[in-house]
Amino acid sequence: MCTVKYKSFSIKEAQNKLEKYCAYQERSHKEVVEKLKKINMASIDIDQIVGSLIQRNYLNENRFAKSFTRGKFKLKSWGKKRIKFELKHHNVSEYNIKDALDQIDDDEYIKVLNSLGEKIWKSSKGKDFYKRKSRFISSLEYRGWERNLIFNQLDKIQTKKK
């Protein structure tokens, strides 16, 4: 039987390691705790290190939520439903989720949906109408766009094509 030995870290070493981890990109509290558990830190040490990271501003839930939201919206064209779901998965508070989602401009939100909808509709050429429509709806729902906005977009595309 093969046993895997992990290097043990002192609190100071682990803290330095996590400072670099958090400085590289914004992290959620959950990611930091998982990283500390992965390197076999004791629960009491985890609490101490997380507290220190918060105090020294390496870890900030609101900043993480805003950065995450900005990135997923601008780079992956995710809708608010998907972003909210993923932030909840990171154990971000409702207040910070709402604050992060409020930073998305409504006009830009619709603009991104319009361009994404056009792109998806064009990529499914040649298929029969119902398959094309189904793919369009499921693609946008998967990315977390609201159903009413999806159907509004579908109506716009259909009236354009007529």
C-alpha atoms as a PDB file:
ATOM      1  CA  MET A   1       0.000   0.000   0.000  1.00  0.00           C
ATOM      2  CA  CYS A   2       1.367   3.366  -1.019  1.00  0.00           C
ATOM      3  CA  THR A   3       0.872   6.296   1.304  1.00  0.00           C
ATOM      4  CA  VAL A   4       1.229   9.844   0.116  1.00  0.00           C
ATOM      5  CA  LYS A   5       3.124  12.136   2.430  1.00  0.00           C
ATOM      6  CA  TYR A   6       2.387  15.828   2.329  1.00  0.00           C
ATOM      7  CA  LYS A   7       4.895  18.391   3.372  1.00  0.00           C
ATOM      8  CA  SER A   8       3.838  19.942   6.634  1.00  0.00           C
ATOM      9  CA  PHE A   9       3.804  23.717   6.832  1.00  0.00           C
ATOM     10  CA  SER A  10       4.190  26.005   9.795  1.00  0.00           C
ATOM     11  CA  ILE A  11       1.535  28.688  10.241  1.00  0.00           C
ATOM     12  CA  LYS A  12       3.947  31.323   8.947  1.00  0.00           C
ATOM     13  CA  GLU A  13       4.878  29.262   5.866  1.00  0.00           C
ATOM     14  CA  ALA A  14       1.239  28.508   5.109  1.00  0.00           C
ATOM     15  CA  GLN A  15       0.331  32.159   5.538  1.00  0.00           C
ATOM     16  CA  ASN A  16       3.089  33.245   3.131  1.00  0.00           C
ATOM     17  CA  LYS A  17       1.956  30.611   0.640  1.00  0.00           C
ATOM     18  CA  LEU A  18      -1.654  31.814   0.866  1.00  0.00           C
ATOM     19  CA  GLU A  19      -0.673  35.477   0.590  1.00  0.00           C
ATOM     20  CA  LYS A  20       0.927  34.679  -2.764  1.00  0.00           C
ATOM     21  CA  TYR A  21      -2.115  32.582  -3.724  1.00  0.00           C
ATOM     22  CA  CYS A  22      -4.471  35.490  -2.950  1.00  0.00           C
ATOM     23  CA  ALA A  23      -2.207  38.148  -4.486  1.00  0.00           C
ATOM     24  CA  TYR A  24      -2.186  36.327  -7.823  1.00  0.00           C
ATOM     25  CA  GLN A  25      -5.974  36.693  -8.252  1.00  0.00           C
ATOM     26  CA  GLU A  26      -9.034  37.343  -6.117  1.00  0.00           C
ATOM     27  CA  ARG A  27     -10.060  34.262  -4.133  1.00  0.00           C
ATOM     28  CA  SER A  28     -13.172  33.333  -2.206  1.00  0.00           C
ATOM     29  CA  HIS A  29     -13.011  32.320   1.440  1.00  0.00           C
ATOM     30  CA  LYS A  30     -14.051  28.822   0.347  1.00  0.00           C
ATOM     31  CA  GLU A  31     -11.106  28.498  -2.067  1.00  0.00           C
ATOM     32  CA  VAL A  32      -8.651  29.612   0.621  1.00  0.00           C
ATOM     33  CA  VAL A  33     -10.036  27.183   3.207  1.00  0.00           C
ATOM     34  CA  GLU A  34      -9.914  24.329   0.662  1.00  0.00           C
ATOM     35  CA  LYS A  35      -6.304  25.190  -0.179  1.00  0.00           C
ATOM     36  CA  LEU A  36      -5.369  25.169   3.517  1.00  0.00           C
ATOM     37  CA  LYS A  37      -7.122  21.834   4.065  1.00  0.00           C
ATOM     38  CA  LYS A  38      -5.289  20.439   1.053  1.00  0.00           C
ATOM     39  CA  ILE A  39      -1.953  21.201   2.719  1.00  0.00           C
ATOM     40  CA  ASN A  40      -3.202  19.544   5.942  1.00  0.00           C
ATOM     41  CA  MET A  41      -3.533  22.583   8.189  1.00  0.00           C
ATOM     42  CA  ALA A  42      -5.475  22.176  11.443  1.00  0.00           C
ATOM     43  CA  SER A  43      -8.888  23.860  11.755  1.00  0.00           C
ATOM     44  CA  ILE A  44      -7.686  26.281  14.409  1.00  0.00           C
ATOM     45  CA  ASP A  45      -4.733  27.280  12.201  1.00  0.00           C
ATOM     46  CA  ILE A  46      -7.047  27.694   9.202  1.00  0.00           C
ATOM     47  CA  ASP A  47      -9.218  30.142  11.166  1.00  0.00           C
ATOM     48  CA  GLN A  48      -6.153  32.077  12.270  1.00  0.00           C
ATOM     49  CA  ILE A  49      -4.693  32.289   8.752  1.00  0.00           C
ATOM     50  CA  VAL A  50      -8.017  33.262   7.140  1.00  0.00           C
ATOM     51  CA  GLY A  51      -8.516  35.943   9.801  1.00  0.00           C
ATOM     52  CA  SER A  52      -5.055  37.298   9.141  1.00  0.00           C
ATOM     53  CA  LEU A  53      -5.625  37.331   5.360  1.00  0.00           C
ATOM     54  CA  ILE A  54      -8.860  39.271   5.845  1.00  0.00           C
ATOM     55  CA  GLN A  55      -7.247  41.701   8.264  1.00  0.00           C
ATOM     56  CA  ARG A  56      -4.330  42.337   5.885  1.00  0.00           C
ATOM     57  CA  ASN A  57      -6.779  42.754   2.964  1.00  0.00           C
ATOM     58  CA  TYR A  58      -5.568  39.762   0.947  1.00  0.00           C
ATOM     59  CA  LEU A  59      -9.044  38.285   1.222  1.00  0.00           C
ATOM     60  CA  ASN A  60     -12.188  40.336   0.661  1.00  0.00           C
ATOM     61  CA  GLU A  61     -15.528  38.715  -0.189  1.00  0.00           C
ATOM     62  CA  ASN A  62     -17.032  41.829  -1.785  1.00  0.00           C
ATOM     63  CA  ARG A  63     -13.978  42.419  -3.967  1.00  0.00           C
ATOM     64  CA  PHE A  64     -13.994  38.737  -5.003  1.00  0.00           C
ATOM     65  CA  ALA A  65     -17.702  38.854  -5.903  1.00  0.00           C
ATOM     66  CA  LYS A  66     -17.273  41.977  -8.035  1.00  0.00           C
ATOM     67  CA  SER A  67     -14.178  40.643  -9.791  1.00  0.00           C
ATOM     68  CA  PHE A  68     -15.813  37.262 -10.434  1.00  0.00           C
ATOM     69  CA  THR A  69     -18.955  38.926 -11.794  1.00  0.00           C
ATOM     70  CA  ARG A  70     -17.017  41.278 -14.068  1.00  0.00           C
ATOM     71  CA  GLY A  71     -14.886  38.459 -15.454  1.00  0.00           C
ATOM     72  CA  LYS A  72     -17.650  35.957 -16.094  1.00  0.00           C
ATOM     73  CA  PHE A  73     -19.905  38.577 -17.678  1.00  0.00           C
ATOM     74  CA  LYS A  74     -17.290  40.218 -19.897  1.00  0.00           C
ATOM     75  CA  LEU A  75     -15.187  37.187 -20.828  1.00  0.00           C
ATOM     76  CA  LYS A  76     -17.669  34.309 -20.817  1.00  0.00           C
ATOM     77  CA  SER A  77     -20.914  36.228 -21.488  1.00  0.00           C
ATOM     78  CA  TRP A  78     -22.665  34.635 -18.535  1.00  0.00           C
ATOM     79  CA  GLY A  79     -26.067  35.893 -17.455  1.00  0.00           C
ATOM     80  CA  LYS A  80     -26.973  36.991 -13.948  1.00  0.00           C
ATOM     81  CA  LYS A  81     -28.587  33.661 -13.001  1.00  0.00           C
ATOM     82  CA  ARG A  82     -25.415  31.667 -13.701  1.00  0.00           C
ATOM     83  CA  ILE A  83     -23.189  34.225 -11.983  1.00  0.00           C
ATOM     84  CA  LYS A  84     -25.450  34.214  -8.919  1.00  0.00           C
ATOM     85  CA  PHE A  85     -25.442  30.403  -8.816  1.00  0.00           C
ATOM     86  CA  GLU A  86     -21.644  30.240  -9.011  1.00  0.00           C
ATOM     87  CA  LEU A  87     -21.189  32.935  -6.346  1.00  0.00           C
ATOM     88  CA  LYS A  88     -23.501  30.961  -4.039  1.00  0.00           C
ATOM     89  CA  HIS A  89     -21.329  27.920  -4.745  1.00  0.00           C
ATOM     90  CA  HIS A  90     -18.394  29.993  -3.423  1.00  0.00           C
ATOM     91  CA  ASN A  91     -20.433  30.750  -0.260  1.00  0.00           C
ATOM     92  CA  VAL A  92     -20.652  34.484  -0.995  1.00  0.00           C
ATOM     93  CA  SER A  93     -23.292  36.334   1.040  1.00  0.00           C
ATOM     94  CA  GLU A  94     -26.548  37.483  -0.583  1.00  0.00           C
ATOM     95  CA  TYR A  95     -25.634  41.108   0.111  1.00  0.00           C
ATOM     96  CA  ASN A  96     -22.333  40.806  -1.779  1.00  0.00           C
ATOM     97  CA  ILE A  97     -23.983  38.868  -4.614  1.00  0.00           C
ATOM     98  CA  LYS A  98     -26.573  41.618  -5.055  1.00  0.00           C
ATOM     99  CA  ASP A  99     -23.894  44.307  -4.852  1.00  0.00           C
ATOM    100  CA  ALA A 100     -21.786  42.536  -7.492  1.00  0.00           C
ATOM    101  CA  LEU A 101     -24.706  41.972  -9.874  1.00  0.00           C
ATOM    102  CA  ASP A 102     -25.790  45.608  -9.524  1.00  0.00           C
ATOM    103  CA  GLN A 103     -22.511  46.705 -11.124  1.00  0.00           C
ATOM    104  CA  ILE A 104     -23.628  45.214 -14.464  1.00  0.00           C
ATOM    105  CA  ASP A 105     -25.094  48.003 -16.594  1.00  0.00           C
ATOM    106  CA  ASP A 106     -28.579  47.078 -17.895  1.00  0.00           C
ATOM    107  CA  ASP A 107     -27.902  48.457 -21.388  1.00  0.00           C
ATOM    108  CA  GLU A 108     -24.628  46.551 -21.656  1.00  0.00           C
ATOM    109  CA  TYR A 109     -26.365  43.410 -20.353  1.00  0.00           C
ATOM    110  CA  ILE A 110     -28.923  43.560 -23.176  1.00  0.00           C
ATOM    111  CA  LYS A 111     -26.201  44.415 -25.718  1.00  0.00           C
ATOM    112  CA  VAL A 112     -24.196  41.315 -24.744  1.00  0.00           C
ATOM    113  CA  LEU A 113     -27.347  39.173 -24.929  1.00  0.00           C
ATOM    114  CA  ASN A 114     -28.123  40.556 -28.405  1.00  0.00           C
ATOM    115  CA  SER A 115     -24.664  39.803 -29.799  1.00  0.00           C
ATOM    116  CA  LEU A 116     -24.515  36.382 -28.126  1.00  0.00           C
ATOM    117  CA  GLY A 117     -28.001  35.540 -29.392  1.00  0.00           C
ATOM    118  CA  GLU A 118     -27.076  36.534 -32.957  1.00  0.00           C
ATOM    119  CA  LYS A 119     -23.904  34.447 -32.759  1.00  0.00           C
ATOM    120  CA  ILE A 120     -25.750  31.354 -31.493  1.00  0.00           C
ATOM    121  CA  TRP A 121     -28.538  31.759 -34.060  1.00  0.00           C
ATOM    122  CA  LYS A 122     -26.051  32.090 -36.954  1.00  0.00           C
ATOM    123  CA  SER A 123     -24.023  29.087 -35.797  1.00  0.00           C
ATOM    124  CA  SER A 124     -27.051  26.793 -36.026  1.00  0.00           C
ATOM    125  CA  LYS A 125     -27.853  27.438 -39.716  1.00  0.00           C
ATOM    126  CA  GLY A 126     -29.248  24.614 -41.778  1.00  0.00           C
ATOM    127  CA  LYS A 127     -31.058  22.924 -38.920  1.00  0.00           C
ATOM    128  CA  ASP A 128     -34.835  22.806 -38.932  1.00  0.00           C
ATOM    129  CA  PHE A 129     -36.508  25.708 -37.149  1.00  0.00           C
ATOM    130  CA  TYR A 130     -37.545  23.849 -33.977  1.00  0.00           C
ATOM    131  CA  LYS A 131     -34.101  22.334 -33.410  1.00  0.00           C
ATOM    132  CA  ARG A 132     -32.515  25.713 -34.018  1.00  0.00           C
ATOM    133  CA  LYS A 133     -34.908  27.398 -31.595  1.00  0.00           C
ATOM    134  CA  SER A 134     -34.332  24.687 -28.978  1.00  0.00           C
ATOM    135  CA  ARG A 135     -30.547  25.002 -29.269  1.00  0.00           C
ATOM    136  CA  PHE A 136     -30.814  28.785 -29.010  1.00  0.00           C
ATOM    137  CA  ILE A 137     -32.891  28.637 -25.821  1.00  0.00           C
ATOM    138  CA  SER A 138     -30.830  25.899 -24.152  1.00  0.00           C
ATOM    139  CA  SER A 139     -27.515  27.620 -24.979  1.00  0.00           C
ATOM    140  CA  LEU A 140     -28.615  30.892 -23.408  1.00  0.00           C
ATOM    141  CA  GLU A 141     -30.222  29.196 -20.399  1.00  0.00           C
ATOM    142  CA  TYR A 142     -27.013  27.248 -19.772  1.00  0.00           C
ATOM    143  CA  ARG A 143     -25.135  30.551 -19.682  1.00  0.00           C
ATOM    144  CA  GLY A 144     -27.600  31.850 -17.092  1.00  0.00           C
ATOM    145  CA  TRP A 145     -29.721  34.276 -19.071  1.00  0.00           C
ATOM    146  CA  GLU A 146     -33.289  34.922 -17.906  1.00  0.00           C
ATOM    147  CA  ARG A 147     -36.049  33.174 -19.887  1.00  0.00           C
ATOM    148  CA  ASN A 148     -38.052  36.327 -20.557  1.00  0.00           C
ATOM    149  CA  LEU A 149     -34.967  38.001 -22.069  1.00  0.00           C
ATOM    150  CA  ILE A 150     -34.200  34.885 -24.124  1.00  0.00           C
ATOM    151  CA  PHE A 151     -37.689  34.839 -25.624  1.00  0.00           C
ATOM    152  CA  ASN A 152     -37.573  38.585 -26.299  1.00  0.00           C
ATOM    153  CA  GLN A 153     -34.275  38.044 -28.123  1.00  0.00           C
ATOM    154  CA  LEU A 154     -35.736  35.131 -30.074  1.00  0.00           C
ATOM    155  CA  ASP A 155     -38.691  37.300 -31.156  1.00  0.00           C
ATOM    156  CA  LYS A 156     -36.296  40.052 -32.319  1.00  0.00           C
ATOM    157  CA  ILE A 157     -34.260  37.583 -34.367  1.00  0.00           C
ATOM    158  CA  GLN A 158     -37.356  36.015 -35.930  1.00  0.00           C
ATOM    159  CA  THR A 159     -38.872  39.377 -36.899  1.00  0.00           C
ATOM    160  CA  LYS A 160     -35.513  40.449 -38.408  1.00  0.00           C
ATOM    161  CA  LYS A 161     -35.390  37.341 -40.583  1.00  0.00           C
ATOM    162  CA  LYS A 162     -38.887  37.869 -42.001  1.00  0.00           C
END
